[in-house]
Amino acid sequence: MFVAIWKYEVDLNRLEQFEELYGQKGKWVALFKKATGYINTELVKDTSSKNVYISLDKWESQALYEQFYEENKSTIDSIDKEGDELTLSETNIGWFNAL
């Protein structure tokens, strides 16, 4: 299993909108569900900060993840712009393979 991990610092006035966009019923998950190899996404909130989140996007392989991103670039860019309006920062923690 491949996991893409992202960290977000969210505008305090936009927390609910962020959770809607990145949560289980949001646009990211809806898009990913169309993909071959997508497993699930977990969105978790830092217990010591009101506006820090981590997302874990789980895929069968990094190759399927990268293929999906290449094939859906324009849609991904559009959703990413929506997220940019809600966040103060977005950091790629890294790409990981489950052992």
C-alpha atoms as a PDB file:
ATOM      1  CA  MET A   1       0.000   0.000   0.000  1.00  0.00           C
ATOM      2  CA  PHE A   2       1.181   3.508  -0.885  1.00  0.00           C
ATOM      3  CA  VAL A   3       0.290   6.517   1.302  1.00  0.00           C
ATOM      4  CA  ALA A   4       0.584  10.177   0.313  1.00  0.00           C
ATOM      5  CA  ILE A   5       0.687  12.349   3.437  1.00  0.00           C
ATOM      6  CA  TRP A   6      -0.079  16.081   3.485  1.00  0.00           C
ATOM      7  CA  LYS A   7      -0.115  18.630   6.294  1.00  0.00           C
ATOM      8  CA  TYR A   8      -2.367  21.686   6.189  1.00  0.00           C
ATOM      9  CA  GLU A   9      -2.521  24.831   8.269  1.00  0.00           C
ATOM     10  CA  VAL A  10      -6.045  26.114   7.728  1.00  0.00           C
ATOM     11  CA  ASP A  11      -7.437  29.644   8.004  1.00  0.00           C
ATOM     12  CA  LEU A  12      -9.263  29.678  11.365  1.00  0.00           C
ATOM     13  CA  ASN A  13     -12.308  31.216   9.690  1.00  0.00           C
ATOM     14  CA  ARG A  14     -12.473  28.434   7.069  1.00  0.00           C
ATOM     15  CA  LEU A  15     -12.190  25.237   9.147  1.00  0.00           C
ATOM     16  CA  GLU A  16     -15.660  23.938   8.322  1.00  0.00           C
ATOM     17  CA  GLN A  17     -15.201  24.546   4.595  1.00  0.00           C
ATOM     18  CA  PHE A  18     -11.832  22.813   4.691  1.00  0.00           C
ATOM     19  CA  GLU A  19     -13.287  19.770   6.431  1.00  0.00           C
ATOM     20  CA  GLU A  20     -16.069  19.619   3.839  1.00  0.00           C
ATOM     21  CA  LEU A  21     -13.657  19.794   0.890  1.00  0.00           C
ATOM     22  CA  TYR A  22     -11.120  17.310   2.283  1.00  0.00           C
ATOM     23  CA  GLY A  23     -13.406  15.071   4.353  1.00  0.00           C
ATOM     24  CA  GLN A  24     -15.152  11.817   3.452  1.00  0.00           C
ATOM     25  CA  LYS A  25     -17.938  13.565   1.519  1.00  0.00           C
ATOM     26  CA  GLY A  26     -15.696  16.159  -0.105  1.00  0.00           C
ATOM     27  CA  LYS A  27     -14.554  16.715  -3.661  1.00  0.00           C
ATOM     28  CA  TRP A  28     -11.164  15.048  -3.188  1.00  0.00           C
ATOM     29  CA  VAL A  29     -12.603  11.758  -1.975  1.00  0.00           C
ATOM     30  CA  ALA A  30     -15.354  11.851  -4.614  1.00  0.00           C
ATOM     31  CA  LEU A  31     -12.726  12.264  -7.324  1.00  0.00           C
ATOM     32  CA  PHE A  32     -10.395   9.621  -5.903  1.00  0.00           C
ATOM     33  CA  LYS A  33     -13.226   7.087  -5.653  1.00  0.00           C
ATOM     34  CA  LYS A  34     -13.328   7.057  -9.471  1.00  0.00           C
ATOM     35  CA  ALA A  35      -9.725   5.851  -9.600  1.00  0.00           C
ATOM     36  CA  THR A  36      -8.360   2.375 -10.033  1.00  0.00           C
ATOM     37  CA  GLY A  37      -6.209   1.572  -7.026  1.00  0.00           C
ATOM     38  CA  TYR A  38      -7.656   4.107  -4.598  1.00  0.00           C
ATOM     39  CA  ILE A  39      -8.228   2.675  -1.117  1.00  0.00           C
ATOM     40  CA  ASN A  40      -9.315   5.570   1.106  1.00  0.00           C
ATOM     41  CA  THR A  41      -8.467   8.922   2.649  1.00  0.00           C
ATOM     42  CA  GLU A  42      -8.177   9.753   6.319  1.00  0.00           C
ATOM     43  CA  LEU A  43      -8.348  13.362   7.466  1.00  0.00           C
ATOM     44  CA  VAL A  44      -7.109  13.872  11.028  1.00  0.00           C
ATOM     45  CA  LYS A  45      -6.933  17.018  13.135  1.00  0.00           C
ATOM     46  CA  ASP A  46      -4.057  17.930  15.443  1.00  0.00           C
ATOM     47  CA  THR A  47      -5.243  17.732  19.055  1.00  0.00           C
ATOM     48  CA  SER A  48      -2.937  20.563  20.135  1.00  0.00           C
ATOM     49  CA  SER A  49      -3.877  23.032  17.391  1.00  0.00           C
ATOM     50  CA  LYS A  50      -7.249  24.274  16.175  1.00  0.00           C
ATOM     51  CA  ASN A  51      -6.209  24.572  12.551  1.00  0.00           C
ATOM     52  CA  VAL A  52      -3.659  21.861  11.690  1.00  0.00           C
ATOM     53  CA  TYR A  53      -4.728  18.767   9.750  1.00  0.00           C
ATOM     54  CA  ILE A  54      -3.049  15.751   8.179  1.00  0.00           C
ATOM     55  CA  SER A  55      -4.494  13.825   5.247  1.00  0.00           C
ATOM     56  CA  LEU A  56      -3.473  10.290   4.403  1.00  0.00           C
ATOM     57  CA  ASP A  57      -4.399   9.202   0.872  1.00  0.00           C
ATOM     58  CA  LYS A  58      -4.059   5.434   0.566  1.00  0.00           C
ATOM     59  CA  TRP A  59      -3.556   3.705  -2.781  1.00  0.00           C
ATOM     60  CA  GLU A  60      -2.657   0.212  -3.917  1.00  0.00           C
ATOM     61  CA  SER A  61       0.566   1.560  -5.447  1.00  0.00           C
ATOM     62  CA  GLN A  62       2.455   4.756  -6.130  1.00  0.00           C
ATOM     63  CA  ALA A  63       2.269   4.019  -9.865  1.00  0.00           C
ATOM     64  CA  LEU A  64      -1.561   4.019  -9.797  1.00  0.00           C
ATOM     65  CA  TYR A  65      -1.546   7.236  -7.741  1.00  0.00           C
ATOM     66  CA  GLU A  66       0.788   8.973 -10.193  1.00  0.00           C
ATOM     67  CA  GLN A  67      -1.148   7.696 -13.213  1.00  0.00           C
ATOM     68  CA  PHE A  68      -4.395   9.035 -11.781  1.00  0.00           C
ATOM     69  CA  TYR A  69      -2.825  12.443 -11.157  1.00  0.00           C
ATOM     70  CA  GLU A  70      -1.484  12.625 -14.711  1.00  0.00           C
ATOM     71  CA  GLU A  71      -4.842  11.659 -16.230  1.00  0.00           C
ATOM     72  CA  ASN A  72      -6.868  14.082 -14.067  1.00  0.00           C
ATOM     73  CA  LYS A  73      -4.558  17.090 -13.860  1.00  0.00           C
ATOM     74  CA  SER A  74      -7.097  19.784 -14.773  1.00  0.00           C
ATOM     75  CA  THR A  75      -9.716  18.565 -12.271  1.00  0.00           C
ATOM     76  CA  ILE A  76      -7.069  18.172  -9.580  1.00  0.00           C
ATOM     77  CA  ASP A  77      -5.753  21.688 -10.227  1.00  0.00           C
ATOM     78  CA  SER A  78      -9.284  23.077  -9.915  1.00  0.00           C
ATOM     79  CA  ILE A  79      -9.951  21.388  -6.572  1.00  0.00           C
ATOM     80  CA  ASP A  80      -6.469  22.336  -5.370  1.00  0.00           C
ATOM     81  CA  LYS A  81      -7.252  26.028  -6.042  1.00  0.00           C
ATOM     82  CA  GLU A  82     -10.318  25.727  -3.821  1.00  0.00           C
ATOM     83  CA  GLY A  83      -8.120  24.308  -1.086  1.00  0.00           C
ATOM     84  CA  ASP A  84      -5.561  27.078  -1.505  1.00  0.00           C
ATOM     85  CA  GLU A  85      -8.246  29.615  -0.593  1.00  0.00           C
ATOM     86  CA  LEU A  86      -8.849  27.810   2.708  1.00  0.00           C
ATOM     87  CA  THR A  87      -5.293  27.143   3.830  1.00  0.00           C
ATOM     88  CA  LEU A  88      -2.375  29.177   5.097  1.00  0.00           C
ATOM     89  CA  SER A  89       0.075  26.430   4.140  1.00  0.00           C
ATOM     90  CA  GLU A  90       0.153  22.996   2.558  1.00  0.00           C
ATOM     91  CA  THR A  91       3.146  20.723   3.065  1.00  0.00           C
ATOM     92  CA  ASN A  92       3.854  17.387   1.455  1.00  0.00           C
ATOM     93  CA  ILE A  93       5.073  15.252   4.349  1.00  0.00           C
ATOM     94  CA  GLY A  94       6.078  12.545   1.904  1.00  0.00           C
ATOM     95  CA  TRP A  95       5.286   9.370   0.027  1.00  0.00           C
ATOM     96  CA  PHE A  96       5.302   6.165   2.060  1.00  0.00           C
ATOM     97  CA  ASN A  97       4.928   2.448   1.437  1.00  0.00           C
ATOM     98  CA  ALA A  98       3.338   0.244   4.072  1.00  0.00           C
ATOM     99  CA  LEU A  99       5.574  -2.541   5.329  1.00  0.00           C
END
